[in-house]
PDB file of N, CA and C in Angstrom:
ATOM      1  N   MET A   1     -71.268  41.052  41.809  1.00  0.00           N
ATOM      2  CA  MET A   1     -72.311  40.317  42.504  1.00  0.00           C
ATOM      3  C   MET A   1     -73.402  41.300  42.941  1.00  0.00           C
ATOM      4  N   ILE A   2     -74.636  40.848  42.751  1.00  0.00           N
ATOM      5  CA  ILE A   2     -75.794  41.672  43.101  1.00  0.00           C
ATOM      6  C   ILE A   2     -76.688  40.877  44.048  1.00  0.00           C
ATOM      7  N   GLU A   3     -77.308  41.579  44.974  1.00  0.00           N
ATOM      8  CA  GLU A   3     -78.135  40.950  45.994  1.00  0.00           C
ATOM      9  C   GLU A   3     -79.561  40.731  45.499  1.00  0.00           C
ATOM     10  N   CYS A   4     -80.104  39.550  45.763  1.00  0.00           N
ATOM     11  CA  CYS A   4     -81.516  39.273  45.527  1.00  0.00           C
ATOM     12  C   CYS A   4     -82.295  40.110  46.540  1.00  0.00           C
ATOM     13  N   ASN A   5     -83.323  40.819  46.091  1.00  0.00           N
ATOM     14  CA  ASN A   5     -84.093  41.676  46.993  1.00  0.00           C
ATOM     15  C   ASN A   5     -84.966  40.890  47.961  1.00  0.00           C
ATOM     16  N   ILE A   6     -85.083  39.590  47.771  1.00  0.00           N
ATOM     17  CA  ILE A   6     -85.927  38.771  48.632  1.00  0.00           C
ATOM     18  C   ILE A   6     -85.102  37.989  49.665  1.00  0.00           C
ATOM     19  N   CYS A   7     -84.232  37.105  49.197  1.00  0.00           N
ATOM     20  CA  CYS A   7     -83.451  36.284  50.128  1.00  0.00           C
ATOM     21  C   CYS A   7     -82.152  36.959  50.561  1.00  0.00           C
ATOM     22  N   GLU A   8     -81.789  38.031  49.873  1.00  0.00           N
ATOM     23  CA  GLU A   8     -80.615  38.858  50.171  1.00  0.00           C
ATOM     24  C   GLU A   8     -79.277  38.139  49.990  1.00  0.00           C
ATOM     25  N   GLU A   9     -79.283  37.031  49.231  1.00  0.00           N
ATOM     26  CA  GLU A   9     -78.034  36.358  48.884  1.00  0.00           C
ATOM     27  C   GLU A   9     -77.461  37.018  47.640  1.00  0.00           C
ATOM     28  N   LEU A  10     -76.153  36.834  47.417  1.00  0.00           N
ATOM     29  CA  LEU A  10     -75.489  37.459  46.280  1.00  0.00           C
ATOM     30  C   LEU A  10     -75.465  36.511  45.074  1.00  0.00           C
ATOM     31  N   PHE A  11     -75.701  37.094  43.887  1.00  0.00           N
ATOM     32  CA  PHE A  11     -75.726  36.339  42.639  1.00  0.00           C
ATOM     33  C   PHE A  11     -75.067  37.162  41.542  1.00  0.00           C
ATOM     34  N   GLU A  12     -74.674  36.478  40.481  1.00  0.00           N
ATOM     35  CA  GLU A  12     -74.197  37.174  39.289  1.00  0.00           C
ATOM     36  C   GLU A  12     -75.385  37.920  38.675  1.00  0.00           C
ATOM     37  N   GLU A  13     -75.133  39.055  38.076  1.00  0.00           N
ATOM     38  CA  GLU A  13     -76.204  39.870  37.509  1.00  0.00           C
ATOM     39  C   GLU A  13     -77.055  39.099  36.503  1.00  0.00           C
ATOM     40  N   LEU A  14     -76.412  38.241  35.706  1.00  0.00           N
ATOM     41  CA  LEU A  14     -77.138  37.475  34.688  1.00  0.00           C
ATOM     42  C   LEU A  14     -78.124  36.463  35.281  1.00  0.00           C
ATOM     43  N   GLU A  15     -77.904  36.079  36.538  1.00  0.00           N
ATOM     44  CA  GLU A  15     -78.787  35.108  37.183  1.00  0.00           C
ATOM     45  C   GLU A  15     -80.082  35.740  37.693  1.00  0.00           C
ATOM     46  N   LEU A  16     -80.078  37.046  37.902  1.00  0.00           N
ATOM     47  CA  LEU A  16     -81.222  37.730  38.489  1.00  0.00           C
ATOM     48  C   LEU A  16     -82.255  38.111  37.437  1.00  0.00           C
ATOM     49  N   THR A  17     -83.518  38.084  37.855  1.00  0.00           N
ATOM     50  CA  THR A  17     -84.625  38.532  37.019  1.00  0.00           C
ATOM     51  C   THR A  17     -85.234  39.746  37.700  1.00  0.00           C
ATOM     52  N   THR A  18     -85.374  40.831  36.961  1.00  0.00           N
ATOM     53  CA  THR A  18     -85.935  42.054  37.514  1.00  0.00           C
ATOM     54  C   THR A  18     -87.335  42.261  36.954  1.00  0.00           C
ATOM     55  N   VAL A  19     -88.311  42.383  37.859  1.00  0.00           N
ATOM     56  CA  VAL A  19     -89.700  42.585  37.448  1.00  0.00           C
ATOM     57  C   VAL A  19     -90.345  43.675  38.301  1.00  0.00           C
ATOM     58  N   THR A  20     -91.548  44.061  37.900  1.00  0.00           N
ATOM     59  CA  THR A  20     -92.340  45.028  38.643  1.00  0.00           C
ATOM     60  C   THR A  20     -93.493  44.273  39.300  1.00  0.00           C
ATOM     61  N   PRO A  21     -93.352  43.857  40.564  1.00  0.00           N
ATOM     62  CA  PRO A  21     -94.398  43.069  41.223  1.00  0.00           C
ATOM     63  C   PRO A  21     -95.756  43.763  41.250  1.00  0.00           C
ATOM     64  N   SER A  22     -95.764  45.078  41.363  1.00  0.00           N
ATOM     65  CA  SER A  22     -97.040  45.798  41.437  1.00  0.00           C
ATOM     66  C   SER A  22     -97.866  45.625  40.167  1.00  0.00           C
ATOM     67  N   GLN A  23     -97.222  45.311  39.067  1.00  0.00           N
ATOM     68  CA  GLN A  23     -97.933  45.064  37.809  1.00  0.00           C
ATOM     69  C   GLN A  23     -98.841  43.840  37.940  1.00  0.00           C
ATOM     70  N   TYR A  24     -98.435  42.884  38.771  1.00  0.00           N
ATOM     71  CA  TYR A  24     -99.182  41.648  38.941  1.00  0.00           C
ATOM     72  C   TYR A  24    -100.011  41.620  40.211  1.00  0.00           C
ATOM     73  N   LEU A  25     -99.541  42.344  41.249  1.00  0.00           N
ATOM     74  CA  LEU A  25    -100.144  42.203  42.571  1.00  0.00           C
ATOM     75  C   LEU A  25    -100.765  43.464  43.136  1.00  0.00           C
ATOM     76  N   GLY A  26    -100.651  44.581  42.446  1.00  0.00           N
ATOM     77  CA  GLY A  26    -101.249  45.810  42.939  1.00  0.00           C
ATOM     78  C   GLY A  26    -100.236  46.799  43.499  1.00  0.00           C
ATOM     79  N   GLN A  27    -100.706  47.959  43.866  1.00  0.00           N
ATOM     80  CA  GLN A  27     -99.859  49.083  44.251  1.00  0.00           C
ATOM     81  C   GLN A  27     -99.071  48.879  45.543  1.00  0.00           C
ATOM     82  N   ALA A  28     -99.445  47.938  46.374  1.00  0.00           N
ATOM     83  CA  ALA A  28     -98.783  47.765  47.667  1.00  0.00           C
ATOM     84  C   ALA A  28     -97.418  47.079  47.561  1.00  0.00           C
ATOM     85  N   TYR A  29     -96.977  46.785  46.348  1.00  0.00           N
ATOM     86  CA  TYR A  29     -95.716  46.080  46.155  1.00  0.00           C
ATOM     87  C   TYR A  29     -94.687  47.006  45.521  1.00  0.00           C
ATOM     88  N   PRO A  30     -93.399  46.691  45.682  1.00  0.00           N
ATOM     89  CA  PRO A  30     -92.337  47.569  45.154  1.00  0.00           C
ATOM     90  C   PRO A  30     -92.428  47.777  43.646  1.00  0.00           C
ATOM     91  N   HIS A  31     -91.918  48.917  43.215  1.00  0.00           N
ATOM     92  CA  HIS A  31     -91.947  49.249  41.798  1.00  0.00           C
ATOM     93  C   HIS A  31     -91.085  48.280  40.982  1.00  0.00           C
ATOM     94  N   VAL A  32     -89.849  48.034  41.416  1.00  0.00           N
ATOM     95  CA  VAL A  32     -88.938  47.123  40.717  1.00  0.00           C
ATOM     96  C   VAL A  32     -88.228  46.252  41.756  1.00  0.00           C
ATOM     97  N   THR A  33     -88.137  44.956  41.472  1.00  0.00           N
ATOM     98  CA  THR A  33     -87.494  44.023  42.390  1.00  0.00           C
ATOM     99  C   THR A  33     -86.635  43.042  41.604  1.00  0.00           C
ATOM    100  N   SER A  34     -85.449  42.737  42.121  1.00  0.00           N
ATOM    101  CA  SER A  34     -84.559  41.740  41.518  1.00  0.00           C
ATOM    102  C   SER A  34     -84.713  40.422  42.267  1.00  0.00           C
ATOM    103  N   PHE A  35     -84.973  39.355  41.526  1.00  0.00           N
ATOM    104  CA  PHE A  35     -85.186  38.031  42.098  1.00  0.00           C
ATOM    105  C   PHE A  35     -84.102  37.062  41.638  1.00  0.00           C
ATOM    106  N   CYS A  36     -83.609  36.237  42.559  1.00  0.00           N
ATOM    107  CA  CYS A  36     -82.739  35.126  42.172  1.00  0.00           C
ATOM    108  C   CYS A  36     -83.646  34.062  41.547  1.00  0.00           C
ATOM    109  N   PRO A  37     -83.094  33.049  40.911  1.00  0.00           N
ATOM    110  CA  PRO A  37     -83.936  32.026  40.262  1.00  0.00           C
ATOM    111  C   PRO A  37     -84.926  31.350  41.213  1.00  0.00           C
ATOM    112  N   SER A  38     -84.499  31.031  42.418  1.00  0.00           N
ATOM    113  CA  SER A  38     -85.373  30.358  43.379  1.00  0.00           C
ATOM    114  C   SER A  38     -86.518  31.268  43.826  1.00  0.00           C
ATOM    115  N   CYS A  39     -86.202  32.492  44.171  1.00  0.00           N
ATOM    116  CA  CYS A  39     -87.229  33.437  44.615  1.00  0.00           C
ATOM    117  C   CYS A  39     -88.169  33.807  43.469  1.00  0.00           C
ATOM    118  N   PHE A  40     -87.651  33.906  42.257  1.00  0.00           N
ATOM    119  CA  PHE A  40     -88.490  34.236  41.116  1.00  0.00           C
ATOM    120  C   PHE A  40     -89.488  33.111  40.849  1.00  0.00           C
ATOM    121  N   ARG A  41     -89.049  31.885  40.968  1.00  0.00           N
ATOM    122  CA  ARG A  41     -89.949  30.739  40.786  1.00  0.00           C
ATOM    123  C   ARG A  41     -91.081  30.802  41.803  1.00  0.00           C
ATOM    124  N   LYS A  42     -90.748  31.069  43.065  1.00  0.00           N
ATOM    125  CA  LYS A  42     -91.769  31.190  44.110  1.00  0.00           C
ATOM    126  C   LYS A  42     -92.723  32.337  43.790  1.00  0.00           C
ATOM    127  N   PHE A  43     -92.176  33.469  43.331  1.00  0.00           N
ATOM    128  CA  PHE A  43     -93.001  34.625  42.977  1.00  0.00           C
ATOM    129  C   PHE A  43     -93.979  34.259  41.864  1.00  0.00           C
ATOM    130  N   LEU A  44     -93.491  33.579  40.832  1.00  0.00           N
ATOM    131  CA  LEU A  44     -94.355  33.212  39.710  1.00  0.00           C
ATOM    132  C   LEU A  44     -95.512  32.326  40.152  1.00  0.00           C
ATOM    133  N   ILE A  45     -95.221  31.367  41.006  1.00  0.00           N
ATOM    134  CA  ILE A  45     -96.268  30.459  41.484  1.00  0.00           C
ATOM    135  C   ILE A  45     -97.329  31.233  42.258  1.00  0.00           C
ATOM    136  N   LYS A  46     -96.899  32.059  43.203  1.00  0.00           N
ATOM    137  CA  LYS A  46     -97.843  32.819  44.031  1.00  0.00           C
ATOM    138  C   LYS A  46     -98.576  33.887  43.218  1.00  0.00           C
ATOM    139  N   ALA A  47     -97.853  34.608  42.396  1.00  0.00           N
ATOM    140  CA  ALA A  47     -98.458  35.695  41.620  1.00  0.00           C
ATOM    141  C   ALA A  47     -99.465  35.151  40.620  1.00  0.00           C
ATOM    142  N   ARG A  48     -99.171  34.024  40.034  1.00  0.00           N
ATOM    143  CA  ARG A  48    -100.097  33.452  39.052  1.00  0.00           C
ATOM    144  C   ARG A  48    -101.430  33.109  39.701  1.00  0.00           C
ATOM    145  N   GLU A  49    -101.374  32.528  40.905  1.00  0.00           N
ATOM    146  CA  GLU A  49    -102.606  32.197  41.622  1.00  0.00           C
ATOM    147  C   GLU A  49    -103.441  33.455  41.869  1.00  0.00           C
ATOM    148  N   ILE A  50    -102.797  34.514  42.333  1.00  0.00           N
ATOM    149  CA  ILE A  50    -103.490  35.768  42.632  1.00  0.00           C
ATOM    150  C   ILE A  50    -104.010  36.405  41.350  1.00  0.00           C
ATOM    151  N   HIS A  51    -103.169  36.443  40.325  1.00  0.00           N
ATOM    152  CA  HIS A  51    -103.542  37.054  39.047  1.00  0.00           C
ATOM    153  C   HIS A  51    -104.704  36.296  38.398  1.00  0.00           C
ATOM    154  N   ASP A  52    -104.625  34.975  38.366  1.00  0.00           N
ATOM    155  CA  ASP A  52    -105.689  34.165  37.768  1.00  0.00           C
ATOM    156  C   ASP A  52    -107.012  34.351  38.508  1.00  0.00           C
ATOM    157  N   SER A  53    -106.948  34.417  39.815  1.00  0.00           N
ATOM    158  CA  SER A  53    -108.143  34.619  40.625  1.00  0.00           C
ATOM    159  C   SER A  53    -108.779  35.979  40.317  1.00  0.00           C
ATOM    160  N   ALA A  54    -107.956  37.007  40.226  1.00  0.00           N
ATOM    161  CA  ALA A  54    -108.455  38.358  39.919  1.00  0.00           C
ATOM    162  C   ALA A  54    -109.059  38.396  38.519  1.00  0.00           C
ATOM    163  N   GLU A  55    -108.421  37.750  37.548  1.00  0.00           N
ATOM    164  CA  GLU A  55    -108.952  37.728  36.185  1.00  0.00           C
ATOM    165  C   GLU A  55    -110.285  36.975  36.124  1.00  0.00           C
ATOM    166  N   LYS A  56    -110.396  35.869  36.855  1.00  0.00           N
ATOM    167  CA  LYS A  56    -111.649  35.113  36.887  1.00  0.00           C
ATOM    168  C   LYS A  56    -112.755  35.973  37.483  1.00  0.00           C
ATOM    169  N   GLU A  57    -112.441  36.704  38.544  1.00  0.00           N
ATOM    170  CA  GLU A  57    -113.433  37.575  39.167  1.00  0.00           C
ATOM    171  C   GLU A  57    -113.899  38.657  38.189  1.00  0.00           C
ATOM    172  N   LYS A  58    -112.977  39.224  37.426  1.00  0.00           N
ATOM    173  CA  LYS A  58    -113.343  40.239  36.432  1.00  0.00           C
ATOM    174  C   LYS A  58    -114.267  39.661  35.370  1.00  0.00           C
ATOM    175  N   LYS A  59    -113.952  38.454  34.885  1.00  0.00           N
ATOM    176  CA  LYS A  59    -114.793  37.813  33.871  1.00  0.00           C
ATOM    177  C   LYS A  59    -116.175  37.486  34.430  1.00  0.00           C
ATOM    178  N   ASP A  60    -116.217  36.998  35.675  1.00  0.00           N
ATOM    179  CA  ASP A  60    -117.498  36.685  36.304  1.00  0.00           C
ATOM    180  C   ASP A  60    -118.340  37.947  36.462  1.00  0.00           C
ATOM    181  N   ASN A  61    -117.702  39.053  36.835  1.00  0.00           N
ATOM    182  CA  ASN A  61    -118.417  40.324  36.972  1.00  0.00           C
ATOM    183  C   ASN A  61    -118.965  40.779  35.630  1.00  0.00           C
ATOM    184  N   LEU A  62    -118.206  40.606  34.570  1.00  0.00           N
ATOM    185  CA  LEU A  62    -118.647  40.985  33.234  1.00  0.00           C
ATOM    186  C   LEU A  62    -119.835  40.123  32.796  1.00  0.00           C
ATOM    187  N   LYS A  63    -119.768  38.810  33.047  1.00  0.00           N
ATOM    188  CA  LYS A  63    -120.870  37.917  32.707  1.00  0.00           C
ATOM    189  C   LYS A  63    -122.130  38.321  33.458  1.00  0.00           C
ATOM    190  N   GLN A  64    -121.966  38.612  34.744  1.00  0.00           N
ATOM    191  CA  GLN A  64    -123.112  39.008  35.558  1.00  0.00           C
ATOM    192  C   GLN A  64    -123.708  40.311  35.044  1.00  0.00           C
ATOM    193  N   PHE A  65    -122.865  41.255  34.668  1.00  0.00           N
ATOM    194  CA  PHE A  65    -123.327  42.537  34.133  1.00  0.00           C
ATOM    195  C   PHE A  65    -124.120  42.345  32.841  1.00  0.00           C
ATOM    196  N   LEU A  66    -123.593  41.510  31.955  1.00  0.00           N
ATOM    197  CA  LEU A  66    -124.235  41.304  30.665  1.00  0.00           C
ATOM    198  C   LEU A  66    -125.527  40.495  30.778  1.00  0.00           C
ATOM    199  N   ASN A  67    -125.624  39.636  31.753  1.00  0.00           N
ATOM    200  CA  ASN A  67    -126.803  38.785  31.903  1.00  0.00           C
ATOM    201  C   ASN A  67    -127.844  39.373  32.849  1.00  0.00           C
ATOM    202  N   SER A  68    -127.651  40.574  33.342  1.00  0.00           N
ATOM    203  CA  SER A  68    -128.632  41.160  34.267  1.00  0.00           C
ATOM    204  C   SER A  68    -129.619  42.041  33.545  1.00  0.00           C
TER     205      SER A  68
END
């Protein structure tokens, strides 16, 4: 049994998903984190919103640069 790094409950190793949150959210997040299915779902929802917003801002900046 391995502990989810978020809710700290124990799960079978096969149930956990290990990702690098800083890849999606920036340097202020842990290098590697193990998520249970419930916590991983929450992470995906929140991270996608942040990631999509950042990508839109980058595209808008590029459009503004090219059209100036």
